[in-house]
Amino acid sequence: MKLNSRMLMRIVAVVVLVAVFGWQWWSKQHRQPAAAAPATSAVASTATPTAPVKPAPPATLRMGSLTLTACELKRPHSAATVAAFCAKFPVPENRADPKSRRIDLKLAILKSSSAVPAKDLVVYLAGGPGQSAIQTYPELAPGFAPLRKHHDVLLLDQRGTGDSHPLECPALEKLAKEQQDTEPGIEQRVQWLAQCAQEVGKASDPRYYATTDAVADLEAVRQALGAPELDLIGVSYGTRMAQHYATAHPDAVRSIVLDGVVPNPLVLGETFATDLQRSLKLQAAACDATPACKQAFGDWYATVHQLYAKLKAAPAPQVTFADPHTYKPVTRTLTADALAGVVRLFSYSGVTQALLPLAVTEAAHGNYAPLMGQSQLITGDLSASIEGGMQMSVICSEDASLLTPRPQDEGLLLGQALIKAFIAECKVWPHNPMPKDFHAPFKSSIPTLLISGERDPVTPPAYADAVLKGLTDGRALTVKGLGHAEAINAGCMPRLVDDFIDTLQPKQLDAQCLDKLGPIPAFVNFNGAAP
């Protein structure tokens, strides 16, 4: 659940820097040797031209009724790639109408390093809502490395994301970029969203891009692959997707891993303000308990609220700083709402949490550039990874009808802004009614492992505990000091996930290795954590 900064309050995501190595699948080319000139010739011998050699055709993989072709998955801001096999999979946009348009879903299979992989198939379900599984997988690849020693992995871009018929608004995105120096209000965003709906409607019907539609797509893909049992790994919004798929097709699911758990009864957006305050208090308490941090920043929890009040009264002067992506100077204005959004995004990751006290304190002293530079970096990455149209289809269908303004949030950093925005935006975005019993608690006997970050600002560990109550064979693990949906890559967690999927015994896992993990110490200056 990521915050959509371009037009829709992008919600779901995590900035983790990892390295992956590609492997070559092209066959080696062999040229025929050149023919020698006759020995009796008075002219110097020359090589006889050879016919051009055609490159070997791409390798293919046959699974069930599908034929996939060798491909490489690119990682943003990196030349590294991940080798895979890719295919397009056509499905009806509206499954209730046989005459509805067909849309192509993109899927990828990552082959195991084992010559004889396990028969069950690991499936990564991406977050957001609106993220592409194929595009975001390279960031999580280290967490899947132990699994790939004996499991194939399926990546399926959910309809409306990535290369699966995305709900894009190119004309509107161009307009938003032209006006990115100003922060639009709710009325402006609603107007833009209405224009986007008209643009999207020329090639898509946004009513059919929600979770229930995606569940049917995944089952159709599973059947086409030969109906293997699935090991579901859901991250953030992907945990909602996993629970709904397991409810609809329990016999198809062998195990479930949920990172950044979204309980089915949760209404997306309803608790964003209170969950952020909880995370900020934990971060502030850690600073208070660390002499160097306490000495450098004092009560920075109070500082961030004082800065928010100051900006609420009058936005900061325009600030020019280097764009972290292009290194070109850009000029922006920091408003109270922008500050709240930046603080929330910083809280998603343990890495950026470590920078938050320093960035907030510098801004409170009039140096806004560090905070705004980091904001540009984070929101830019999120803008590239979230498909806003699909996000709106999910939220408007599944959550917006249950949202109401919460006066108790008015004094909090996020206040009621996000709730009011969702309510207003969903009035102009086409969507179907919420499916019956959609928010019923998840109940299952499928072996399930729930993992959380202690300081998660959007899906705190209590949410995993709520889901655990409906499981007969589940276990919840929390990693100290981490933020949202990053535990799967932390320390020994990849090994624990591998052990769990191998043994299907969550309660027997020896998770003591997690006790060695903890938060990244807060930076007390721009050189690091040490004074």
Foldseek 3Di string as FASTA:
>chain_A
DCQQQLQAGFYDDEDFDDDDAEDDDWDDDDDDFFDWDDPPDPDHTDGDDDDDDDTDAFDWDDFFQDIWGWDWQDAPPDPHTYIWTKDWDWDFLDPVDPPGDIWIKIKIKRAAPDPAADQAAEEEFEAGVFFFQRHCVVSCVLLCVVVSNRHMYMGIGQQQHDRGLNLDDVVLSVVSVVVVQDRDALVVSLVSLLVSQVVSVVPHALQRLALVNRLVVVVVVCVRRVLTAYEYEYFHVRLLSVLVNCVVCVVRHQEYEYFLHDWLQDFPPQCLQVLQVQLVVVLQVVLCVDVLSCVLQPRVVVLLLVVLVVLQVPKAPWDWAQQPVPRDIDIHIGHLLNSLSLSLLLQQWLVSSLAVSVQSVCVSVPNNHVSVNVSSVRSVVSNVGGRSSSVLQHNLAAHLVPQDQDCVSCSTSNHRRSNVSSNSNSVSRDHDHHDPCSSPGRADARLYEYEYECSASRRHQVSVVSNVVRYPQYDYYYAASTYGRPVSNDDCNSVQVSVCSVPVHHVPGDPVRSVVGYGQHHASDPVGRDD
